[in-house]
Each structure stands twice: as structure tokens, then as C-alpha cells.
Amino acid sequence: MTVREFNDWEQYTIIFKTLSDLTRLKIMWLLLSMDSKISVSEIIDVLEENQYNVSKHLKILKNAGLIYEKKEGKWAFYQYRESNNLFDKAIRDTVLTIPNNMMLDEVKRCEQRLAMRVDGKCVVGSESVEWKKVKKVNKI
């Protein structure tokens, strides 16, 4: 993981453009609020988006230096990239000002999806039979 240094306006602009998309903003909010690394499969189920769109948005967030990817077996997990940079801290704090009540459905799905992990590891893919059962039982 490399630490991004802001030397010109272009780098700041990239961050704001990246976060100007609702799906990317939701992904950032989840990564910051749920205090957990989250797999692509989990994000797909939580946001109810298709794999292509989620992967595209994660790539953009990663290229902007906001998140990083860690492979664990067949799973790719994403986390917020911690930094002591004042701008990064301001971005993190700003994203976290989004009220929880705006993300109630996503938080509920995320908590349910993360509860399906075994020993802290994602064990079911997106839109799995197991996930569909959980959604049906919990009406999420």
C-alpha cells in the first residue's frame, strides 16, 4: 500500500469526482461505518447491484487511493485506506456525517450478510441460495 501525497490540484479533483457517484459514496460510507473489510460478494448483496457495476466502482475508488484490496483465497476484500493526511481525514469525517437513517436498508443487509461469515471469512458468493434464504426470513 502506498501513501498518496497531494502535490497538485488534479489529485484533489480525482477524490471529489470519485465520491460524486452515489454508489461509490455508499461503498465508502459502508467501509467506514461498518468497521470491517468487505468482500465484493458482500457489497453486491448489500447494495443490490450487479457484479460488473460493483467491481467498476471499487476499481475507481482504489485508483483514487481511497481504498485498498486484499486477496484472501478466492475472495477480494476491500478496506478504507487509513492515512494521517489532513485532507484524507477531512474526507473520512465528511463521509461519516451522512446520517445512518439514509442507509438503514443497506446497514441491515450488511449486518445480515456479515453475520454469514465463518471465522470472520466470507464463505458464500453473491446472490447465493443461503443469502436468498436470509433475505426471505428477515424480509430484507
C-alpha atoms as a PDB file:
ATOM      1  CA  MET A   1       0.000   0.000   0.000  1.00  0.00           C
ATOM      2  CA  THR A   2       1.434   3.366  -0.951  1.00  0.00           C
ATOM      3  CA  VAL A   3       0.721   6.653   0.763  1.00  0.00           C
ATOM      4  CA  ARG A   4      -0.670   9.240  -1.589  1.00  0.00           C
ATOM      5  CA  GLU A   5       0.859  12.697  -1.407  1.00  0.00           C
ATOM      6  CA  PHE A   6      -1.126  15.638  -2.703  1.00  0.00           C
ATOM      7  CA  ASN A   7       1.133  17.799  -4.823  1.00  0.00           C
ATOM      8  CA  ASP A   8      -1.323  19.309  -7.255  1.00  0.00           C
ATOM      9  CA  TRP A   9      -4.958  20.126  -7.843  1.00  0.00           C
ATOM     10  CA  GLU A  10      -5.577  17.109 -10.047  1.00  0.00           C
ATOM     11  CA  GLN A  11      -5.275  14.686  -7.146  1.00  0.00           C
ATOM     12  CA  TYR A  12      -7.832  16.600  -5.088  1.00  0.00           C
ATOM     13  CA  THR A  13     -10.172  16.757  -8.070  1.00  0.00           C
ATOM     14  CA  ILE A  14      -9.939  12.978  -8.547  1.00  0.00           C
ATOM     15  CA  ILE A  15     -11.148  12.407  -4.971  1.00  0.00           C
ATOM     16  CA  PHE A  16     -14.159  14.696  -5.360  1.00  0.00           C
ATOM     17  CA  LYS A  17     -15.081  13.238  -8.755  1.00  0.00           C
ATOM     18  CA  THR A  18     -14.778   9.738  -7.339  1.00  0.00           C
ATOM     19  CA  LEU A  19     -17.113  10.479  -4.440  1.00  0.00           C
ATOM     20  CA  SER A  20     -19.640  12.322  -6.617  1.00  0.00           C
ATOM     21  CA  ASP A  21     -21.218   8.985  -7.600  1.00  0.00           C
ATOM     22  CA  LEU A  22     -23.934   7.649  -5.267  1.00  0.00           C
ATOM     23  CA  THR A  23     -22.812   4.007  -5.415  1.00  0.00           C
ATOM     24  CA  ARG A  24     -19.179   4.885  -4.669  1.00  0.00           C
ATOM     25  CA  LEU A  25     -20.262   7.173  -1.840  1.00  0.00           C
ATOM     26  CA  LYS A  26     -22.356   4.350  -0.359  1.00  0.00           C
ATOM     27  CA  ILE A  27     -19.426   1.942  -0.630  1.00  0.00           C
ATOM     28  CA  MET A  28     -17.187   4.434   1.167  1.00  0.00           C
ATOM     29  CA  TRP A  29     -19.792   5.002   3.867  1.00  0.00           C
ATOM     30  CA  LEU A  30     -20.164   1.255   4.417  1.00  0.00           C
ATOM     31  CA  LEU A  31     -16.422   0.668   4.601  1.00  0.00           C
ATOM     32  CA  LEU A  32     -16.042   3.468   7.128  1.00  0.00           C
ATOM     33  CA  SER A  33     -19.189   2.774   9.152  1.00  0.00           C
ATOM     34  CA  MET A  34     -19.205  -0.999   9.344  1.00  0.00           C
ATOM     35  CA  ASP A  35     -15.632  -1.074  10.656  1.00  0.00           C
ATOM     36  CA  SER A  36     -14.841  -4.137   8.608  1.00  0.00           C
ATOM     37  CA  LYS A  37     -13.264  -5.273   5.434  1.00  0.00           C
ATOM     38  CA  ILE A  38     -15.983  -6.224   2.986  1.00  0.00           C
ATOM     39  CA  SER A  39     -15.802  -8.632   0.059  1.00  0.00           C
ATOM     40  CA  VAL A  40     -17.039  -7.881  -3.427  1.00  0.00           C
ATOM     41  CA  SER A  41     -19.782 -10.509  -2.975  1.00  0.00           C
ATOM     42  CA  GLU A  42     -20.954  -8.876   0.233  1.00  0.00           C
ATOM     43  CA  ILE A  43     -21.026  -5.413  -1.357  1.00  0.00           C
ATOM     44  CA  ILE A  44     -23.016  -6.792  -4.305  1.00  0.00           C
ATOM     45  CA  ASP A  45     -25.648  -8.210  -1.950  1.00  0.00           C
ATOM     46  CA  VAL A  46     -25.728  -5.208   0.372  1.00  0.00           C
ATOM     47  CA  LEU A  47     -26.150  -2.638  -2.394  1.00  0.00           C
ATOM     48  CA  GLU A  48     -28.222  -4.944  -4.589  1.00  0.00           C
ATOM     49  CA  GLU A  49     -26.049  -4.080  -7.561  1.00  0.00           C
ATOM     50  CA  ASN A  50     -24.600  -6.388 -10.198  1.00  0.00           C
ATOM     51  CA  GLN A  51     -21.026  -7.651 -10.064  1.00  0.00           C
ATOM     52  CA  TYR A  52     -19.861  -5.594 -13.032  1.00  0.00           C
ATOM     53  CA  ASN A  53     -21.028  -2.285 -11.527  1.00  0.00           C
ATOM     54  CA  VAL A  54     -19.640  -3.006  -8.062  1.00  0.00           C
ATOM     55  CA  SER A  55     -16.270  -4.079  -9.469  1.00  0.00           C
ATOM     56  CA  LYS A  56     -16.132  -0.965 -11.657  1.00  0.00           C
ATOM     57  CA  HIS A  57     -16.861   1.317  -8.700  1.00  0.00           C
ATOM     58  CA  LEU A  58     -14.342  -0.465  -6.459  1.00  0.00           C
ATOM     59  CA  LYS A  59     -11.669  -0.055  -9.141  1.00  0.00           C
ATOM     60  CA  ILE A  60     -12.367   3.687  -9.337  1.00  0.00           C
ATOM     61  CA  LEU A  61     -12.204   4.041  -5.529  1.00  0.00           C
ATOM     62  CA  LYS A  62      -8.979   2.034  -5.478  1.00  0.00           C
ATOM     63  CA  ASN A  63      -7.398   4.073  -8.307  1.00  0.00           C
ATOM     64  CA  ALA A  64      -8.272   7.269  -6.417  1.00  0.00           C
ATOM     65  CA  GLY A  65      -6.319   5.889  -3.453  1.00  0.00           C
ATOM     66  CA  LEU A  66      -9.317   5.813  -1.109  1.00  0.00           C
ATOM     67  CA  ILE A  67      -9.468   2.055  -0.563  1.00  0.00           C
ATOM     68  CA  TYR A  68      -7.233  -0.942  -0.957  1.00  0.00           C
ATOM     69  CA  GLU A  69      -7.806  -4.524  -1.943  1.00  0.00           C
ATOM     70  CA  LYS A  70      -6.574  -7.588  -0.104  1.00  0.00           C
ATOM     71  CA  LYS A  71      -6.921 -11.062  -1.594  1.00  0.00           C
ATOM     72  CA  GLU A  72      -7.748 -13.923   0.750  1.00  0.00           C
ATOM     73  CA  GLY A  73      -8.035 -17.152  -1.164  1.00  0.00           C
ATOM     74  CA  LYS A  74     -10.675 -16.711  -3.841  1.00  0.00           C
ATOM     75  CA  TRP A  75     -12.122 -13.619  -2.121  1.00  0.00           C
ATOM     76  CA  ALA A  76     -11.156  -9.992  -2.679  1.00  0.00           C
ATOM     77  CA  PHE A  77     -11.753  -7.794   0.362  1.00  0.00           C
ATOM     78  CA  TYR A  78     -11.780  -4.017   0.409  1.00  0.00           C
ATOM     79  CA  GLN A  79     -10.985  -1.615   3.216  1.00  0.00           C
ATOM     80  CA  TYR A  80     -10.655   2.101   3.632  1.00  0.00           C
ATOM     81  CA  ARG A  81      -7.041   3.196   3.244  1.00  0.00           C
ATOM     82  CA  GLU A  82      -6.044   4.792   6.536  1.00  0.00           C
ATOM     83  CA  SER A  83      -3.952   7.942   6.347  1.00  0.00           C
ATOM     84  CA  ASN A  84      -2.757  10.717   8.605  1.00  0.00           C
ATOM     85  CA  ASN A  85      -3.090  13.206   5.763  1.00  0.00           C
ATOM     86  CA  LEU A  86      -5.385  16.086   6.832  1.00  0.00           C
ATOM     87  CA  PHE A  87      -7.282  16.023   3.548  1.00  0.00           C
ATOM     88  CA  ASP A  88      -7.914  12.255   3.870  1.00  0.00           C
ATOM     89  CA  LYS A  89      -9.115  12.754   7.441  1.00  0.00           C
ATOM     90  CA  ALA A  90     -11.486  15.515   6.313  1.00  0.00           C
ATOM     91  CA  ILE A  91     -12.880  13.286   3.542  1.00  0.00           C
ATOM     92  CA  ARG A  92     -13.372  10.401   6.011  1.00  0.00           C
ATOM     93  CA  ASP A  93     -15.063  12.675   8.555  1.00  0.00           C
ATOM     94  CA  THR A  94     -17.269  14.225   5.864  1.00  0.00           C
ATOM     95  CA  VAL A  95     -18.452  10.848   4.534  1.00  0.00           C
ATOM     96  CA  LEU A  96     -19.270   9.787   8.090  1.00  0.00           C
ATOM     97  CA  THR A  97     -21.558  12.821   8.526  1.00  0.00           C
ATOM     98  CA  ILE A  98     -24.058  11.140   6.188  1.00  0.00           C
ATOM     99  CA  PRO A  99     -26.877  10.179   8.569  1.00  0.00           C
ATOM    100  CA  ASN A 100     -27.286   6.486   9.363  1.00  0.00           C
ATOM    101  CA  ASN A 101     -31.005   6.714   8.642  1.00  0.00           C
ATOM    102  CA  MET A 102     -30.201   7.322   4.964  1.00  0.00           C
ATOM    103  CA  MET A 103     -28.547   3.889   4.852  1.00  0.00           C
ATOM    104  CA  LEU A 104     -30.893   1.836   7.058  1.00  0.00           C
ATOM    105  CA  ASP A 105     -31.654  -0.810   4.433  1.00  0.00           C
ATOM    106  CA  GLU A 106     -28.013  -1.152   3.430  1.00  0.00           C
ATOM    107  CA  VAL A 107     -26.868  -1.398   7.063  1.00  0.00           C
ATOM    108  CA  LYS A 108     -29.454  -4.075   7.806  1.00  0.00           C
ATOM    109  CA  ARG A 109     -28.409  -6.092   4.751  1.00  0.00           C
ATOM    110  CA  CYS A 110     -24.733  -5.583   5.594  1.00  0.00           C
ATOM    111  CA  GLU A 111     -25.139  -6.762   9.181  1.00  0.00           C
ATOM    112  CA  GLN A 112     -27.041  -9.828   7.984  1.00  0.00           C
ATOM    113  CA  ARG A 113     -24.514 -10.536   5.239  1.00  0.00           C
ATOM    114  CA  LEU A 114     -21.513 -10.166   7.560  1.00  0.00           C
ATOM    115  CA  ALA A 115     -23.222 -12.468  10.073  1.00  0.00           C
ATOM    116  CA  MET A 116     -22.990 -15.233   7.458  1.00  0.00           C
ATOM    117  CA  ARG A 117     -19.193 -15.289   7.702  1.00  0.00           C
ATOM    118  CA  VAL A 118     -17.433 -18.247   9.238  1.00  0.00           C
ATOM    119  CA  ASP A 119     -14.433 -17.358  11.415  1.00  0.00           C
ATOM    120  CA  GLY A 120     -14.550 -13.840  10.002  1.00  0.00           C
ATOM    121  CA  LYS A 121     -14.278 -15.055   6.430  1.00  0.00           C
ATOM    122  CA  CYS A 122     -16.737 -14.713   3.585  1.00  0.00           C
ATOM    123  CA  VAL A 123     -17.920 -18.198   2.621  1.00  0.00           C
ATOM    124  CA  VAL A 124     -20.817 -17.601   0.218  1.00  0.00           C
ATOM    125  CA  GLY A 125     -20.852 -15.795  -3.086  1.00  0.00           C
ATOM    126  CA  SER A 126     -23.198 -13.048  -4.133  1.00  0.00           C
ATOM    127  CA  GLU A 127     -26.861 -13.898  -4.624  1.00  0.00           C
ATOM    128  CA  SER A 128     -26.253 -17.352  -3.142  1.00  0.00           C
ATOM    129  CA  VAL A 129     -29.092 -19.627  -2.092  1.00  0.00           C
ATOM    130  CA  GLU A 130     -28.070 -19.056   1.538  1.00  0.00           C
ATOM    131  CA  TRP A 131     -28.307 -15.272   1.135  1.00  0.00           C
ATOM    132  CA  LYS A 132     -31.703 -15.516  -0.547  1.00  0.00           C
ATOM    133  CA  LYS A 133     -32.957 -17.565   2.408  1.00  0.00           C
ATOM    134  CA  VAL A 134     -31.667 -14.981   4.908  1.00  0.00           C
ATOM    135  CA  LYS A 135     -33.302 -12.149   2.964  1.00  0.00           C
ATOM    136  CA  LYS A 136     -36.600 -14.013   2.819  1.00  0.00           C
ATOM    137  CA  VAL A 137     -36.623 -14.933   6.533  1.00  0.00           C
ATOM    138  CA  ASN A 138     -35.575 -11.443   7.641  1.00  0.00           C
ATOM    139  CA  LYS A 139     -37.592  -9.644   4.964  1.00  0.00           C
ATOM    140  CA  ILE A 140     -34.651  -7.531   3.837  1.00  0.00           C
END
